């Protein structure tokens, strides 16, 4: 079973940066599309950014210009570079992969982003 493992979350100050990683236990090519989602306390999980079937990326309006998705296929890793972070970005961030053959969803366990006061 292919697994997704996120890392890179932590405590950050407003205006700061973090880079999240999502490492695939097998081959990243197991997934046709991947993306990042987040869930803040008391709120539903929401899209941050996702790859589309057309090879493009779809960013939430709230993160456009601040967050960037990328991947290193040789390392089987998906990244989320987050710049100019705001307190509203505090959440648990999840990596999602859609299997290339079955279209089944796979999710990581999440990594927490919190803000220092």
C-alpha atoms as a PDB file:
ATOM      1  CA  UNK A   1       0.000   0.000   0.000  1.00  0.00           C
ATOM      2  CA  UNK A   2       1.438   3.336  -1.055  1.00  0.00           C
ATOM      3  CA  UNK A   3       1.575   5.852   1.791  1.00  0.00           C
ATOM      4  CA  UNK A   4       1.898   9.616   1.967  1.00  0.00           C
ATOM      5  CA  UNK A   5       3.898  11.150   4.803  1.00  0.00           C
ATOM      6  CA  UNK A   6       3.856  14.900   5.413  1.00  0.00           C
ATOM      7  CA  UNK A   7       6.505  16.855   7.273  1.00  0.00           C
ATOM      8  CA  UNK A   8       7.722  20.409   7.677  1.00  0.00           C
ATOM      9  CA  UNK A   9       4.965  21.936   9.746  1.00  0.00           C
ATOM     10  CA  UNK A  10       5.700  23.862  12.908  1.00  0.00           C
ATOM     11  CA  UNK A  11       5.557  27.168  14.694  1.00  0.00           C
ATOM     12  CA  UNK A  12       5.947  30.278  12.562  1.00  0.00           C
ATOM     13  CA  UNK A  13       5.588  34.025  12.932  1.00  0.00           C
ATOM     14  CA  UNK A  14       3.291  36.106  10.723  1.00  0.00           C
ATOM     15  CA  UNK A  15       5.152  36.973   7.541  1.00  0.00           C
ATOM     16  CA  UNK A  16       7.367  33.937   7.841  1.00  0.00           C
ATOM     17  CA  UNK A  17       7.861  30.944   5.545  1.00  0.00           C
ATOM     18  CA  UNK A  18       7.632  27.183   5.752  1.00  0.00           C
ATOM     19  CA  UNK A  19       8.135  24.396   3.260  1.00  0.00           C
ATOM     20  CA  UNK A  20       5.979  21.326   3.656  1.00  0.00           C
ATOM     21  CA  UNK A  21       6.993  17.984   2.188  1.00  0.00           C
ATOM     22  CA  UNK A  22       4.903  14.967   1.245  1.00  0.00           C
ATOM     23  CA  UNK A  23       6.972  11.876   0.663  1.00  0.00           C
ATOM     24  CA  UNK A  24       5.448   8.921  -1.183  1.00  0.00           C
ATOM     25  CA  UNK A  25       6.482   5.531   0.217  1.00  0.00           C
ATOM     26  CA  UNK A  26       6.463   4.004  -3.253  1.00  0.00           C
ATOM     27  CA  UNK A  27       6.579   5.798  -6.585  1.00  0.00           C
ATOM     28  CA  UNK A  28       5.126   9.268  -6.936  1.00  0.00           C
ATOM     29  CA  UNK A  29       4.001   8.159 -10.381  1.00  0.00           C
ATOM     30  CA  UNK A  30       1.428   5.965  -8.641  1.00  0.00           C
ATOM     31  CA  UNK A  31      -0.594   9.161  -8.476  1.00  0.00           C
ATOM     32  CA  UNK A  32      -1.983  10.917 -11.478  1.00  0.00           C
ATOM     33  CA  UNK A  33      -2.694  14.084  -9.527  1.00  0.00           C
ATOM     34  CA  UNK A  34      -1.597  15.383  -6.168  1.00  0.00           C
ATOM     35  CA  UNK A  35      -2.414  18.359  -4.019  1.00  0.00           C
ATOM     36  CA  UNK A  36      -2.473  20.042  -0.654  1.00  0.00           C
ATOM     37  CA  UNK A  37      -5.485  20.652   1.544  1.00  0.00           C
ATOM     38  CA  UNK A  38      -5.885  22.123   5.012  1.00  0.00           C
ATOM     39  CA  UNK A  39      -8.287  21.997   7.914  1.00  0.00           C
ATOM     40  CA  UNK A  40      -8.505  24.619  10.629  1.00  0.00           C
ATOM     41  CA  UNK A  41     -10.199  23.884  13.974  1.00  0.00           C
ATOM     42  CA  UNK A  42     -13.972  23.872  13.623  1.00  0.00           C
ATOM     43  CA  UNK A  43     -13.824  24.189   9.844  1.00  0.00           C
ATOM     44  CA  UNK A  44     -14.127  21.842   6.893  1.00  0.00           C
ATOM     45  CA  UNK A  45     -11.111  20.628   4.988  1.00  0.00           C
ATOM     46  CA  UNK A  46     -10.429  22.961   2.087  1.00  0.00           C
ATOM     47  CA  UNK A  47      -8.333  23.016  -1.046  1.00  0.00           C
ATOM     48  CA  UNK A  48      -5.013  24.845  -0.904  1.00  0.00           C
ATOM     49  CA  UNK A  49      -3.644  23.806  -4.278  1.00  0.00           C
ATOM     50  CA  UNK A  50      -4.109  20.809  -6.549  1.00  0.00           C
ATOM     51  CA  UNK A  51      -2.738  19.514  -9.806  1.00  0.00           C
ATOM     52  CA  UNK A  52      -5.343  19.097 -12.527  1.00  0.00           C
ATOM     53  CA  UNK A  53      -5.750  16.457 -15.211  1.00  0.00           C
ATOM     54  CA  UNK A  54      -4.488  18.963 -17.748  1.00  0.00           C
ATOM     55  CA  UNK A  55      -1.171  19.311 -15.952  1.00  0.00           C
ATOM     56  CA  UNK A  56      -2.015  22.711 -14.521  1.00  0.00           C
ATOM     57  CA  UNK A  57      -2.396  23.773 -10.912  1.00  0.00           C
ATOM     58  CA  UNK A  58      -5.422  25.190  -9.177  1.00  0.00           C
ATOM     59  CA  UNK A  59      -4.740  27.477  -6.213  1.00  0.00           C
ATOM     60  CA  UNK A  60      -7.226  28.733  -3.660  1.00  0.00           C
ATOM     61  CA  UNK A  61      -7.634  32.491  -4.013  1.00  0.00           C
ATOM     62  CA  UNK A  62      -6.480  32.994  -0.443  1.00  0.00           C
ATOM     63  CA  UNK A  63      -3.021  31.586  -1.168  1.00  0.00           C
ATOM     64  CA  UNK A  64      -2.354  32.756  -4.730  1.00  0.00           C
ATOM     65  CA  UNK A  65       0.948  34.565  -4.978  1.00  0.00           C
ATOM     66  CA  UNK A  66       2.108  33.273  -1.597  1.00  0.00           C
ATOM     67  CA  UNK A  67       2.112  29.464  -1.873  1.00  0.00           C
ATOM     68  CA  UNK A  68       3.764  27.313  -4.537  1.00  0.00           C
ATOM     69  CA  UNK A  69       3.375  23.610  -5.211  1.00  0.00           C
ATOM     70  CA  UNK A  70       6.245  21.661  -6.719  1.00  0.00           C
ATOM     71  CA  UNK A  71       7.525  18.122  -6.916  1.00  0.00           C
ATOM     72  CA  UNK A  72      10.812  16.280  -7.101  1.00  0.00           C
ATOM     73  CA  UNK A  73       9.986  13.043  -8.889  1.00  0.00           C
ATOM     74  CA  UNK A  74      13.434  11.577  -8.222  1.00  0.00           C
ATOM     75  CA  UNK A  75      12.791  11.942  -4.481  1.00  0.00           C
ATOM     76  CA  UNK A  76       9.132  10.880  -4.730  1.00  0.00           C
ATOM     77  CA  UNK A  77       8.261  14.068  -2.908  1.00  0.00           C
ATOM     78  CA  UNK A  78       5.665  16.803  -3.292  1.00  0.00           C
ATOM     79  CA  UNK A  79       6.333  20.214  -1.746  1.00  0.00           C
ATOM     80  CA  UNK A  80       4.351  23.224  -0.651  1.00  0.00           C
ATOM     81  CA  UNK A  81       6.378  26.412  -0.257  1.00  0.00           C
ATOM     82  CA  UNK A  82       4.451  28.858   1.902  1.00  0.00           C
ATOM     83  CA  UNK A  83       5.591  32.480   2.064  1.00  0.00           C
ATOM     84  CA  UNK A  84       4.188  35.564   3.760  1.00  0.00           C
ATOM     85  CA  UNK A  85       2.226  33.392   6.122  1.00  0.00           C
ATOM     86  CA  UNK A  86      -0.770  34.820   7.923  1.00  0.00           C
ATOM     87  CA  UNK A  87      -2.485  33.661  11.110  1.00  0.00           C
ATOM     88  CA  UNK A  88      -5.470  32.553   9.001  1.00  0.00           C
ATOM     89  CA  UNK A  89      -3.158  29.974   7.417  1.00  0.00           C
ATOM     90  CA  UNK A  90      -2.979  28.083  10.712  1.00  0.00           C
ATOM     91  CA  UNK A  91      -4.301  24.568  10.117  1.00  0.00           C
ATOM     92  CA  UNK A  92      -3.408  20.955   9.692  1.00  0.00           C
ATOM     93  CA  UNK A  93      -2.096  20.528   6.157  1.00  0.00           C
ATOM     94  CA  UNK A  94      -2.789  17.305   4.307  1.00  0.00           C
ATOM     95  CA  UNK A  95      -1.265  15.813   1.185  1.00  0.00           C
ATOM     96  CA  UNK A  96      -3.648  14.089  -1.212  1.00  0.00           C
ATOM     97  CA  UNK A  97      -2.868  11.752  -4.060  1.00  0.00           C
ATOM     98  CA  UNK A  98      -5.330  10.441  -6.632  1.00  0.00           C
ATOM     99  CA  UNK A  99      -4.206   7.028  -7.833  1.00  0.00           C
ATOM    100  CA  UNK A 100      -3.395   7.000 -11.519  1.00  0.00           C
ATOM    101  CA  UNK A 101      -5.175   3.699 -12.264  1.00  0.00           C
ATOM    102  CA  UNK A 102      -8.011   3.393  -9.732  1.00  0.00           C
ATOM    103  CA  UNK A 103      -8.674   7.113  -9.083  1.00  0.00           C
ATOM    104  CA  UNK A 104      -8.820   6.247  -5.394  1.00  0.00           C
ATOM    105  CA  UNK A 105      -7.955   8.992  -2.923  1.00  0.00           C
ATOM    106  CA  UNK A 106      -4.972   8.626  -0.640  1.00  0.00           C
ATOM    107  CA  UNK A 107      -4.316  11.016   2.227  1.00  0.00           C
ATOM    108  CA  UNK A 108      -1.403  11.618   4.533  1.00  0.00           C
ATOM    109  CA  UNK A 109      -1.716  12.006   8.283  1.00  0.00           C
ATOM    110  CA  UNK A 110      -1.271  15.781   8.202  1.00  0.00           C
ATOM    111  CA  UNK A 111       1.258  18.260   9.512  1.00  0.00           C
ATOM    112  CA  UNK A 112       0.344  21.158  11.796  1.00  0.00           C
ATOM    113  CA  UNK A 113       1.109  24.810  11.083  1.00  0.00           C
ATOM    114  CA  UNK A 114       0.695  27.135  14.056  1.00  0.00           C
ATOM    115  CA  UNK A 115       1.603  30.728  14.785  1.00  0.00           C
ATOM    116  CA  UNK A 116       3.584  32.194  17.625  1.00  0.00           C
ATOM    117  CA  UNK A 117       2.086  35.211  19.360  1.00  0.00           C
END
